[in-house]
Amino acid sequence: KKLIPNMKVRVLTALAFAASVSGQAVAPDGGCLVCGDGKVITKPNAVFEFPGNPPVPCGTLQQVGLDGIIPLDQCPFLADLITMCECEEGDLRLQQEQPCSPPATAPPGGCL
């Protein structure tokens, strides 16, 4: 079966949720928290700009960190650079519960 892209994000997010301890954010294996251990981005719509790279919304930056797209040896340096994202101690479960547009085959009120 082919995973729907949205489903892949939900599976990876679920892994991050399962890894959370005492309400603090914990990155899944192979991923990282761009804000640092136990911290999450509180301004996902703020934009991070780094010379030579396209602007990236802070929420997207956090997600690619969790997905393991950011090399693990570079992740620790980001927290000091992304002040516009306003990192704070937090819980990924609360932060990433976002409504989605359910596909026609999803059960009423559900998302795939």
PDB file of N, CA and C in Angstrom:
ATOM      1  N   LYS A   1       0.834  -1.178   0.000  1.00  0.00           N
ATOM      2  CA  LYS A   1       0.000   0.000   0.000  1.00  0.00           C
ATOM      3  C   LYS A   1       0.878   1.239   0.000  1.00  0.00           C
ATOM      4  N   LYS A   2       0.421   2.223  -0.702  1.00  0.00           N
ATOM      5  CA  LYS A   2       1.153   3.481  -0.782  1.00  0.00           C
ATOM      6  C   LYS A   2       0.636   4.435   0.294  1.00  0.00           C
ATOM      7  N   LEU A   3       1.564   4.982   1.095  1.00  0.00           N
ATOM      8  CA  LEU A   3       1.160   5.925   2.136  1.00  0.00           C
ATOM      9  C   LEU A   3       0.785   7.269   1.532  1.00  0.00           C
ATOM     10  N   ILE A   4      -0.299   7.799   1.965  1.00  0.00           N
ATOM     11  CA  ILE A   4      -0.697   9.146   1.586  1.00  0.00           C
ATOM     12  C   ILE A   4       0.267  10.094   2.289  1.00  0.00           C
ATOM     13  N   PRO A   5       0.812  11.135   1.611  1.00  0.00           N
ATOM     14  CA  PRO A   5       1.774  12.036   2.261  1.00  0.00           C
ATOM     15  C   PRO A   5       1.299  12.552   3.607  1.00  0.00           C
ATOM     16  N   ASN A   6       0.035  12.931   3.718  1.00  0.00           N
ATOM     17  CA  ASN A   6      -0.496  13.419   4.992  1.00  0.00           C
ATOM     18  C   ASN A   6      -0.431  12.323   6.049  1.00  0.00           C
ATOM     19  N   MET A   7      -0.644  11.086   5.638  1.00  0.00           N
ATOM     20  CA  MET A   7      -0.593   9.958   6.562  1.00  0.00           C
ATOM     21  C   MET A   7       0.824   9.772   7.095  1.00  0.00           C
ATOM     22  N   LYS A   8       1.835   9.950   6.228  1.00  0.00           N
ATOM     23  CA  LYS A   8       3.223   9.816   6.660  1.00  0.00           C
ATOM     24  C   LYS A   8       3.521  10.824   7.758  1.00  0.00           C
ATOM     25  N   VAL A   9       3.081  12.062   7.587  1.00  0.00           N
ATOM     26  CA  VAL A   9       3.298  13.094   8.599  1.00  0.00           C
ATOM     27  C   VAL A   9       2.599  12.698   9.890  1.00  0.00           C
ATOM     28  N   ARG A  10       1.396  12.181   9.787  1.00  0.00           N
ATOM     29  CA  ARG A  10       0.652  11.776  10.990  1.00  0.00           C
ATOM     30  C   ARG A  10       1.334  10.607  11.709  1.00  0.00           C
ATOM     31  N   VAL A  11       1.885   9.666  10.960  1.00  0.00           N
ATOM     32  CA  VAL A  11       2.591   8.540  11.580  1.00  0.00           C
ATOM     33  C   VAL A  11       3.833   9.042  12.309  1.00  0.00           C
ATOM     34  N   LEU A  12       4.604   9.914  11.652  1.00  0.00           N
ATOM     35  CA  LEU A  12       5.801  10.458  12.301  1.00  0.00           C
ATOM     36  C   LEU A  12       5.440  11.291  13.516  1.00  0.00           C
ATOM     37  N   THR A  13       4.368  12.049  13.428  1.00  0.00           N
ATOM     38  CA  THR A  13       3.923  12.843  14.559  1.00  0.00           C
ATOM     39  C   THR A  13       3.486  11.931  15.697  1.00  0.00           C
ATOM     40  N   ALA A  14       2.808  10.840  15.361  1.00  0.00           N
ATOM     41  CA  ALA A  14       2.386   9.891  16.388  1.00  0.00           C
ATOM     42  C   ALA A  14       3.594   9.298  17.107  1.00  0.00           C
ATOM     43  N   LEU A  15       4.661   9.038  16.369  1.00  0.00           N
ATOM     44  CA  LEU A  15       5.875   8.536  17.008  1.00  0.00           C
ATOM     45  C   LEU A  15       6.446   9.562  17.980  1.00  0.00           C
ATOM     46  N   ALA A  16       6.407  10.822  17.593  1.00  0.00           N
ATOM     47  CA  ALA A  16       6.880  11.878  18.492  1.00  0.00           C
ATOM     48  C   ALA A  16       6.003  11.944  19.729  1.00  0.00           C
ATOM     49  N   PHE A  17       4.700  11.771  19.540  1.00  0.00           N
ATOM     50  CA  PHE A  17       3.791  11.796  20.677  1.00  0.00           C
ATOM     51  C   PHE A  17       4.099  10.659  21.640  1.00  0.00           C
ATOM     52  N   ALA A  18       4.303   9.483  21.098  1.00  0.00           N
ATOM     53  CA  ALA A  18       4.591   8.329  21.931  1.00  0.00           C
ATOM     54  C   ALA A  18       5.886   8.502  22.704  1.00  0.00           C
ATOM     55  N   ALA A  19       6.799   9.275  22.155  1.00  0.00           N
ATOM     56  CA  ALA A  19       8.081   9.486  22.817  1.00  0.00           C
ATOM     57  C   ALA A  19       8.035  10.582  23.870  1.00  0.00           C
ATOM     58  N   SER A  20       6.936  11.358  23.901  1.00  0.00           N
ATOM     59  CA  SER A  20       6.911  12.469  24.855  1.00  0.00           C
ATOM     60  C   SER A  20       6.797  11.945  26.275  1.00  0.00           C
ATOM     61  N   VAL A  21       7.467  12.642  27.181  1.00  0.00           N
ATOM     62  CA  VAL A  21       7.514  12.242  28.578  1.00  0.00           C
ATOM     63  C   VAL A  21       7.097  13.431  29.430  1.00  0.00           C
ATOM     64  N   SER A  22       6.168  13.218  30.355  1.00  0.00           N
ATOM     65  CA  SER A  22       5.744  14.255  31.287  1.00  0.00           C
ATOM     66  C   SER A  22       5.367  15.556  30.595  1.00  0.00           C
ATOM     67  N   GLY A  23       4.769  15.470  29.416  1.00  0.00           N
ATOM     68  CA  GLY A  23       4.324  16.655  28.716  1.00  0.00           C
ATOM     69  C   GLY A  23       5.415  17.428  28.004  1.00  0.00           C
ATOM     70  N   GLN A  24       6.649  16.979  28.090  1.00  0.00           N
ATOM     71  CA  GLN A  24       7.725  17.675  27.387  1.00  0.00           C
ATOM     72  C   GLN A  24       7.944  17.037  26.030  1.00  0.00           C
ATOM     73  N   ALA A  25       8.293  17.901  25.087  1.00  0.00           N
ATOM     74  CA  ALA A  25       8.555  17.429  23.733  1.00  0.00           C
ATOM     75  C   ALA A  25       9.820  16.584  23.680  1.00  0.00           C
ATOM     76  N   VAL A  26       9.743  15.485  22.956  1.00  0.00           N
ATOM     77  CA  VAL A  26      10.888  14.599  22.733  1.00  0.00           C
ATOM     78  C   VAL A  26      10.862  14.224  21.254  1.00  0.00           C
ATOM     79  N   ALA A  27      11.990  14.349  20.594  1.00  0.00           N
ATOM     80  CA  ALA A  27      12.064  14.020  19.169  1.00  0.00           C
ATOM     81  C   ALA A  27      12.033  12.510  18.951  1.00  0.00           C
ATOM     82  N   PRO A  28      11.419  12.067  17.854  1.00  0.00           N
ATOM     83  CA  PRO A  28      11.454  10.644  17.517  1.00  0.00           C
ATOM     84  C   PRO A  28      12.859  10.257  17.070  1.00  0.00           C
ATOM     85  N   ASP A  29      13.149   8.962  17.064  1.00  0.00           N
ATOM     86  CA  ASP A  29      14.453   8.490  16.597  1.00  0.00           C
ATOM     87  C   ASP A  29      14.717   9.019  15.185  1.00  0.00           C
ATOM     88  N   GLY A  30      15.907   9.565  14.987  1.00  0.00           N
ATOM     89  CA  GLY A  30      16.294  10.091  13.691  1.00  0.00           C
ATOM     90  C   GLY A  30      15.846  11.520  13.442  1.00  0.00           C
ATOM     91  N   GLY A  31      15.038  12.061  14.334  1.00  0.00           N
ATOM     92  CA  GLY A  31      14.560  13.433  14.203  1.00  0.00           C
ATOM     93  C   GLY A  31      15.136  14.301  15.298  1.00  0.00           C
ATOM     94  N   CYS A  32      14.840  15.598  15.228  1.00  0.00           N
ATOM     95  CA  CYS A  32      15.342  16.501  16.256  1.00  0.00           C
ATOM     96  C   CYS A  32      14.339  17.607  16.531  1.00  0.00           C
ATOM     97  N   LEU A  33      14.482  18.205  17.693  1.00  0.00           N
ATOM     98  CA  LEU A  33      13.699  19.375  18.060  1.00  0.00           C
ATOM     99  C   LEU A  33      14.546  20.593  17.746  1.00  0.00           C
ATOM    100  N   VAL A  34      14.120  21.403  16.796  1.00  0.00           N
ATOM    101  CA  VAL A  34      14.919  22.548  16.366  1.00  0.00           C
ATOM    102  C   VAL A  34      15.074  23.585  17.472  1.00  0.00           C
ATOM    103  N   CYS A  35      14.185  23.563  18.455  1.00  0.00           N
ATOM    104  CA  CYS A  35      14.267  24.501  19.584  1.00  0.00           C
ATOM    105  C   CYS A  35      15.153  23.984  20.708  1.00  0.00           C
ATOM    106  N   GLY A  36      15.509  22.723  20.660  1.00  0.00           N
ATOM    107  CA  GLY A  36      16.288  22.115  21.727  1.00  0.00           C
ATOM    108  C   GLY A  36      15.415  21.157  22.529  1.00  0.00           C
ATOM    109  N   ASP A  37      16.031  20.399  23.395  1.00  0.00           N
ATOM    110  CA  ASP A  37      15.335  19.374  24.173  1.00  0.00           C
ATOM    111  C   ASP A  37      14.173  19.953  24.973  1.00  0.00           C
ATOM    112  N   GLY A  38      13.016  19.330  24.822  1.00  0.00           N
ATOM    113  CA  GLY A  38      11.839  19.703  25.588  1.00  0.00           C
ATOM    114  C   GLY A  38      11.149  20.975  25.144  1.00  0.00           C
ATOM    115  N   LYS A  39      11.636  21.587  24.068  1.00  0.00           N
ATOM    116  CA  LYS A  39      11.058  22.859  23.633  1.00  0.00           C
ATOM    117  C   LYS A  39      10.401  22.734  22.259  1.00  0.00           C
ATOM    118  N   VAL A  40       9.368  23.543  22.063  1.00  0.00           N
ATOM    119  CA  VAL A  40       8.648  23.573  20.796  1.00  0.00           C
ATOM    120  C   VAL A  40       8.498  25.014  20.320  1.00  0.00           C
ATOM    121  N   ILE A  41       8.212  25.156  19.062  1.00  0.00           N
ATOM    122  CA  ILE A  41       7.974  26.461  18.460  1.00  0.00           C
ATOM    123  C   ILE A  41       6.574  26.928  18.860  1.00  0.00           C
ATOM    124  N   THR A  42       6.467  28.173  19.312  1.00  0.00           N
ATOM    125  CA  THR A  42       5.155  28.714  19.678  1.00  0.00           C
ATOM    126  C   THR A  42       4.609  29.682  18.631  1.00  0.00           C
ATOM    127  N   LYS A  43       5.426  30.054  17.665  1.00  0.00           N
ATOM    128  CA  LYS A  43       4.993  30.943  16.571  1.00  0.00           C
ATOM    129  C   LYS A  43       5.222  30.229  15.230  1.00  0.00           C
ATOM    130  N   PRO A  44       4.379  29.228  14.910  1.00  0.00           N
ATOM    131  CA  PRO A  44       4.604  28.443  13.691  1.00  0.00           C
ATOM    132  C   PRO A  44       4.507  29.245  12.395  1.00  0.00           C
ATOM    133  N   ASN A  45       3.822  30.369  12.417  1.00  0.00           N
ATOM    134  CA  ASN A  45       3.677  31.161  11.193  1.00  0.00           C
ATOM    135  C   ASN A  45       4.774  32.201  11.026  1.00  0.00           C
ATOM    136  N   ALA A  46       5.611  32.374  12.052  1.00  0.00           N
ATOM    137  CA  ALA A  46       6.757  33.276  11.903  1.00  0.00           C
ATOM    138  C   ALA A  46       7.676  32.678  10.847  1.00  0.00           C
ATOM    139  N   VAL A  47       8.485  33.524  10.225  1.00  0.00           N
ATOM    140  CA  VAL A  47       9.324  33.059   9.117  1.00  0.00           C
ATOM    141  C   VAL A  47      10.804  33.164   9.485  1.00  0.00           C
ATOM    142  N   PHE A  48      11.510  32.062   9.290  1.00  0.00           N
ATOM    143  CA  PHE A  48      12.958  31.988   9.509  1.00  0.00           C
ATOM    144  C   PHE A  48      13.637  32.201   8.164  1.00  0.00           C
ATOM    145  N   GLU A  49      14.574  33.141   8.143  1.00  0.00           N
ATOM    146  CA  GLU A  49      15.338  33.395   6.918  1.00  0.00           C
ATOM    147  C   GLU A  49      16.820  33.243   7.223  1.00  0.00           C
ATOM    148  N   PHE A  50      17.481  32.424   6.417  1.00  0.00           N
ATOM    149  CA  PHE A  50      18.921  32.209   6.554  1.00  0.00           C
ATOM    150  C   PHE A  50      19.553  32.543   5.207  1.00  0.00           C
ATOM    151  N   PRO A  51      20.598  33.354   5.212  1.00  0.00           N
ATOM    152  CA  PRO A  51      21.220  33.769   3.942  1.00  0.00           C
ATOM    153  C   PRO A  51      21.501  32.582   3.013  1.00  0.00           C
ATOM    154  N   GLY A  52      21.102  32.748   1.753  1.00  0.00           N
ATOM    155  CA  GLY A  52      21.346  31.720   0.751  1.00  0.00           C
ATOM    156  C   GLY A  52      20.290  30.642   0.692  1.00  0.00           C
ATOM    157  N   ASN A  53      19.260  30.744   1.560  1.00  0.00           N
ATOM    158  CA  ASN A  53      18.184  29.753   1.593  1.00  0.00           C
ATOM    159  C   ASN A  53      16.838  30.466   1.505  1.00  0.00           C
ATOM    160  N   PRO A  54      15.816  29.769   1.003  1.00  0.00           N
ATOM    161  CA  PRO A  54      14.496  30.400   0.942  1.00  0.00           C
ATOM    162  C   PRO A  54      13.903  30.558   2.350  1.00  0.00           C
ATOM    163  N   PRO A  55      13.041  31.548   2.554  1.00  0.00           N
ATOM    164  CA  PRO A  55      12.367  31.702   3.851  1.00  0.00           C
ATOM    165  C   PRO A  55      11.526  30.464   4.164  1.00  0.00           C
ATOM    166  N   VAL A  56      11.474  30.101   5.446  1.00  0.00           N
ATOM    167  CA  VAL A  56      10.737  28.909   5.869  1.00  0.00           C
ATOM    168  C   VAL A  56       9.882  29.256   7.091  1.00  0.00           C
ATOM    169  N   PRO A  57       8.585  28.925   7.070  1.00  0.00           N
ATOM    170  CA  PRO A  57       7.771  29.132   8.266  1.00  0.00           C
ATOM    171  C   PRO A  57       8.322  28.280   9.418  1.00  0.00           C
ATOM    172  N   CYS A  58       8.265  28.809  10.613  1.00  0.00           N
ATOM    173  CA  CYS A  58       8.817  28.101  11.768  1.00  0.00           C
ATOM    174  C   CYS A  58       8.159  26.740  11.987  1.00  0.00           C
ATOM    175  N   GLY A  59       6.863  26.641  11.740  1.00  0.00           N
ATOM    176  CA  GLY A  59       6.175  25.360  11.895  1.00  0.00           C
ATOM    177  C   GLY A  59       6.705  24.305  10.939  1.00  0.00           C
ATOM    178  N   THR A  60       7.025  24.721   9.726  1.00  0.00           N
ATOM    179  CA  THR A  60       7.607  23.806   8.739  1.00  0.00           C
ATOM    180  C   THR A  60       8.994  23.380   9.182  1.00  0.00           C
ATOM    181  N   LEU A  61       9.758  24.315   9.694  1.00  0.00           N
ATOM    182  CA  LEU A  61      11.107  24.008  10.180  1.00  0.00           C
ATOM    183  C   LEU A  61      11.047  22.973  11.299  1.00  0.00           C
ATOM    184  N   GLN A  62      10.104  23.143  12.215  1.00  0.00           N
ATOM    185  CA  GLN A  62       9.953  22.171  13.297  1.00  0.00           C
ATOM    186  C   GLN A  62       9.597  20.793  12.741  1.00  0.00           C
ATOM    187  N   GLN A  63       8.680  20.744  11.772  1.00  0.00           N
ATOM    188  CA  GLN A  63       8.257  19.458  11.219  1.00  0.00           C
ATOM    189  C   GLN A  63       9.389  18.745  10.487  1.00  0.00           C
ATOM    190  N   VAL A  64      10.188  19.482   9.705  1.00  0.00           N
ATOM    191  CA  VAL A  64      11.289  18.816   9.006  1.00  0.00           C
ATOM    192  C   VAL A  64      12.348  18.338   9.997  1.00  0.00           C
ATOM    193  N   GLY A  65      12.472  19.022  11.121  1.00  0.00           N
ATOM    194  CA  GLY A  65      13.367  18.536  12.177  1.00  0.00           C
ATOM    195  C   GLY A  65      12.858  17.211  12.732  1.00  0.00           C
ATOM    196  N   LEU A  66      11.579  17.147  13.042  1.00  0.00           N
ATOM    197  CA  LEU A  66      10.980  15.913  13.561  1.00  0.00           C
ATOM    198  C   LEU A  66      11.061  14.783  12.541  1.00  0.00           C
ATOM    199  N   ASP A  67      10.936  15.124  11.262  1.00  0.00           N
ATOM    200  CA  ASP A  67      10.976  14.122  10.196  1.00  0.00           C
ATOM    201  C   ASP A  67      12.387  13.621   9.899  1.00  0.00           C
ATOM    202  N   GLY A  68      13.401  14.229  10.500  1.00  0.00           N
ATOM    203  CA  GLY A  68      14.778  13.791  10.283  1.00  0.00           C
ATOM    204  C   GLY A  68      15.416  14.369   9.035  1.00  0.00           C
ATOM    205  N   ILE A  69      14.810  15.404   8.459  1.00  0.00           N
ATOM    206  CA  ILE A  69      15.355  16.006   7.251  1.00  0.00           C
ATOM    207  C   ILE A  69      16.543  16.916   7.579  1.00  0.00           C
ATOM    208  N   ILE A  70      16.535  17.503   8.763  1.00  0.00           N
ATOM    209  CA  ILE A  70      17.664  18.330   9.202  1.00  0.00           C
ATOM    210  C   ILE A  70      18.726  17.391   9.777  1.00  0.00           C
ATOM    211  N   PRO A  71      19.952  17.468   9.292  1.00  0.00           N
ATOM    212  CA  PRO A  71      21.007  16.597   9.839  1.00  0.00           C
ATOM    213  C   PRO A  71      21.140  16.782  11.356  1.00  0.00           C
ATOM    214  N   LEU A  72      21.230  15.681  12.072  1.00  0.00           N
ATOM    215  CA  LEU A  72      21.267  15.731  13.531  1.00  0.00           C
ATOM    216  C   LEU A  72      22.428  16.552  14.076  1.00  0.00           C
ATOM    217  N   ASP A  73      23.534  16.634  13.339  1.00  0.00           N
ATOM    218  CA  ASP A  73      24.673  17.416  13.835  1.00  0.00           C
ATOM    219  C   ASP A  73      24.459  18.923  13.642  1.00  0.00           C
ATOM    220  N   GLN A  74      23.468  19.311  12.839  1.00  0.00           N
ATOM    221  CA  GLN A  74      23.184  20.729  12.626  1.00  0.00           C
ATOM    222  C   GLN A  74      22.040  21.238  13.489  1.00  0.00           C
ATOM    223  N   CYS A  75      21.207  20.356  13.952  1.00  0.00           N
ATOM    224  CA  CYS A  75      20.021  20.735  14.705  1.00  0.00           C
ATOM    225  C   CYS A  75      20.335  21.538  15.980  1.00  0.00           C
ATOM    226  N   PRO A  76      21.342  21.170  16.771  1.00  0.00           N
ATOM    227  CA  PRO A  76      21.601  21.912  18.005  1.00  0.00           C
ATOM    228  C   PRO A  76      21.929  23.393  17.794  1.00  0.00           C
ATOM    229  N   PHE A  77      22.398  23.766  16.622  1.00  0.00           N
ATOM    230  CA  PHE A  77      22.764  25.157  16.364  1.00  0.00           C
ATOM    231  C   PHE A  77      21.558  26.025  16.030  1.00  0.00           C
ATOM    232  N   LEU A  78      20.448  25.408  15.649  1.00  0.00           N
ATOM    233  CA  LEU A  78      19.292  26.170  15.193  1.00  0.00           C
ATOM    234  C   LEU A  78      18.607  26.981  16.288  1.00  0.00           C
ATOM    235  N   ALA A  79      18.528  26.451  17.492  1.00  0.00           N
ATOM    236  CA  ALA A  79      17.791  27.123  18.565  1.00  0.00           C
ATOM    237  C   ALA A  79      18.228  28.571  18.750  1.00  0.00           C
ATOM    238  N   ASP A  80      19.516  28.847  18.645  1.00  0.00           N
ATOM    239  CA  ASP A  80      20.010  30.214  18.807  1.00  0.00           C
ATOM    240  C   ASP A  80      19.701  31.099  17.606  1.00  0.00           C
ATOM    241  N   LEU A  81      19.396  30.502  16.464  1.00  0.00           N
ATOM    242  CA  LEU A  81      19.145  31.260  15.238  1.00  0.00           C
ATOM    243  C   LEU A  81      17.669  31.545  14.977  1.00  0.00           C
ATOM    244  N   ILE A  82      16.795  30.808  15.630  1.00  0.00           N
ATOM    245  CA  ILE A  82      15.368  30.908  15.311  1.00  0.00           C
ATOM    246  C   ILE A  82      14.580  31.637  16.402  1.00  0.00           C
ATOM    247  N   THR A  83      15.121  32.730  16.896  1.00  0.00           N
ATOM    248  CA  THR A  83      14.465  33.474  17.972  1.00  0.00           C
ATOM    249  C   THR A  83      13.070  33.954  17.572  1.00  0.00           C
ATOM    250  N   MET A  84      12.841  34.230  16.288  1.00  0.00           N
ATOM    251  CA  MET A  84      11.528  34.694  15.817  1.00  0.00           C
ATOM    252  C   MET A  84      10.462  33.614  15.982  1.00  0.00           C
ATOM    253  N   CYS A  85      10.873  32.356  16.146  1.00  0.00           N
ATOM    254  CA  CYS A  85       9.937  31.241  16.305  1.00  0.00           C
ATOM    255  C   CYS A  85       9.432  31.114  17.746  1.00  0.00           C
ATOM    256  N   GLU A  86      10.067  31.825  18.656  1.00  0.00           N
ATOM    257  CA  GLU A  86       9.702  31.840  20.077  1.00  0.00           C
ATOM    258  C   GLU A  86       9.559  30.436  20.661  1.00  0.00           C
ATOM    259  N   CYS A  87      10.695  29.811  20.895  1.00  0.00           N
ATOM    260  CA  CYS A  87      10.730  28.468  21.468  1.00  0.00           C
ATOM    261  C   CYS A  87      10.434  28.512  22.967  1.00  0.00           C
ATOM    262  N   GLU A  88       9.633  27.570  23.410  1.00  0.00           N
ATOM    263  CA  GLU A  88       9.314  27.437  24.828  1.00  0.00           C
ATOM    264  C   GLU A  88       9.153  25.959  25.154  1.00  0.00           C
ATOM    265  N   GLU A  89       9.299  25.629  26.443  1.00  0.00           N
ATOM    266  CA  GLU A  89       9.032  24.246  26.840  1.00  0.00           C
ATOM    267  C   GLU A  89       7.594  23.946  26.483  1.00  0.00           C
ATOM    268  N   GLY A  90       7.380  22.747  25.970  1.00  0.00           N
ATOM    269  CA  GLY A  90       6.029  22.426  25.549  1.00  0.00           C
ATOM    270  C   GLY A  90       5.838  20.969  25.212  1.00  0.00           C
ATOM    271  N   ASP A  91       4.635  20.684  24.768  1.00  0.00           N
ATOM    272  CA  ASP A  91       4.199  19.327  24.477  1.00  0.00           C
ATOM    273  C   ASP A  91       3.762  19.262  23.014  1.00  0.00           C
ATOM    274  N   LEU A  92       4.404  18.421  22.235  1.00  0.00           N
ATOM    275  CA  LEU A  92       4.054  18.273  20.820  1.00  0.00           C
ATOM    276  C   LEU A  92       2.616  17.806  20.635  1.00  0.00           C
ATOM    277  N   ARG A  93       2.110  17.013  21.571  1.00  0.00           N
ATOM    278  CA  ARG A  93       0.742  16.503  21.433  1.00  0.00           C
ATOM    279  C   ARG A  93      -0.257  17.648  21.382  1.00  0.00           C
ATOM    280  N   LEU A  94      -0.069  18.641  22.227  1.00  0.00           N
ATOM    281  CA  LEU A  94      -0.993  19.769  22.255  1.00  0.00           C
ATOM    282  C   LEU A  94      -0.788  20.669  21.058  1.00  0.00           C
ATOM    283  N   GLN A  95       0.463  20.854  20.676  1.00  0.00           N
ATOM    284  CA  GLN A  95       0.786  21.790  19.621  1.00  0.00           C
ATOM    285  C   GLN A  95       0.392  21.288  18.243  1.00  0.00           C
ATOM    286  N   GLN A  96       0.533  20.018  17.985  1.00  0.00           N
ATOM    287  CA  GLN A  96       0.357  19.515  16.629  1.00  0.00           C
ATOM    288  C   GLN A  96      -1.027  18.961  16.352  1.00  0.00           C
ATOM    289  N   GLU A  97      -1.940  19.098  17.291  1.00  0.00           N
ATOM    290  CA  GLU A  97      -3.305  18.676  17.013  1.00  0.00           C
ATOM    291  C   GLU A  97      -3.938  19.745  16.149  1.00  0.00           C
ATOM    292  N   GLN A  98      -3.941  19.484  14.859  1.00  0.00           N
ATOM    293  CA  GLN A  98      -4.475  20.445  13.911  1.00  0.00           C
ATOM    294  C   GLN A  98      -5.566  19.783  13.105  1.00  0.00           C
ATOM    295  N   PRO A  99      -6.604  20.549  12.794  1.00  0.00           N
ATOM    296  CA  PRO A  99      -7.658  19.962  11.957  1.00  0.00           C
ATOM    297  C   PRO A  99      -7.129  19.684  10.558  1.00  0.00           C
ATOM    298  N   CYS A 100      -7.689  18.696   9.929  1.00  0.00           N
ATOM    299  CA  CYS A 100      -7.300  18.391   8.555  1.00  0.00           C
ATOM    300  C   CYS A 100      -8.544  18.321   7.697  1.00  0.00           C
ATOM    301  N   SER A 101      -8.356  18.302   6.426  1.00  0.00           N
ATOM    302  CA  SER A 101      -9.471  18.148   5.498  1.00  0.00           C
ATOM    303  C   SER A 101      -9.646  16.666   5.234  1.00  0.00           C
ATOM    304  N   PRO A 102     -10.729  16.072   5.706  1.00  0.00           N
ATOM    305  CA  PRO A 102     -10.902  14.626   5.525  1.00  0.00           C
ATOM    306  C   PRO A 102     -11.163  14.263   4.074  1.00  0.00           C
ATOM    307  N   PRO A 103     -10.483  13.222   3.589  1.00  0.00           N
ATOM    308  CA  PRO A 103     -10.754  12.736   2.238  1.00  0.00           C
ATOM    309  C   PRO A 103     -12.158  12.142   2.180  1.00  0.00           C
ATOM    310  N   ALA A 104     -12.672  12.000   0.981  1.00  0.00           N
ATOM    311  CA  ALA A 104     -14.040  11.475   0.799  1.00  0.00           C
ATOM    312  C   ALA A 104     -14.205  10.087   1.423  1.00  0.00           C
ATOM    313  N   THR A 105     -13.117   9.307   1.541  1.00  0.00           N
ATOM    314  CA  THR A 105     -13.227   7.948   2.074  1.00  0.00           C
ATOM    315  C   THR A 105     -13.066   7.893   3.589  1.00  0.00           C
ATOM    316  N   ALA A 106     -12.803   9.020   4.218  1.00  0.00           N
ATOM    317  CA  ALA A 106     -12.606   9.022   5.673  1.00  0.00           C
ATOM    318  C   ALA A 106     -13.959   8.915   6.362  1.00  0.00           C
ATOM    319  N   PRO A 107     -13.970   8.326   7.562  1.00  0.00           N
ATOM    320  CA  PRO A 107     -15.229   8.263   8.307  1.00  0.00           C
ATOM    321  C   PRO A 107     -15.660   9.682   8.685  1.00  0.00           C
ATOM    322  N   PRO A 108     -16.952   9.907   8.922  1.00  0.00           N
ATOM    323  CA  PRO A 108     -17.404  11.254   9.289  1.00  0.00           C
ATOM    324  C   PRO A 108     -16.594  11.810  10.457  1.00  0.00           C
ATOM    325  N   GLY A 109     -16.096  13.021  10.288  1.00  0.00           N
ATOM    326  CA  GLY A 109     -15.314  13.674  11.343  1.00  0.00           C
ATOM    327  C   GLY A 109     -13.895  13.159  11.454  1.00  0.00           C
ATOM    328  N   GLY A 110     -13.487  12.228  10.602  1.00  0.00           N
ATOM    329  CA  GLY A 110     -12.150  11.639  10.709  1.00  0.00           C
ATOM    330  C   GLY A 110     -11.239  12.046   9.572  1.00  0.00           C
ATOM    331  N   CYS A 111      -9.970  11.804   9.758  1.00  0.00           N
ATOM    332  CA  CYS A 111      -8.982  12.092   8.736  1.00  0.00           C
ATOM    333  C   CYS A 111      -8.122  10.859   8.525  1.00  0.00           C
ATOM    334  N   LEU A 112      -7.658  10.671   7.322  1.00  0.00           N
ATOM    335  CA  LEU A 112      -6.735   9.569   7.034  1.00  0.00           C
ATOM    336  C   LEU A 112      -5.330  10.045   7.124  1.00  0.00           C
TER     337      LEU A 112
END
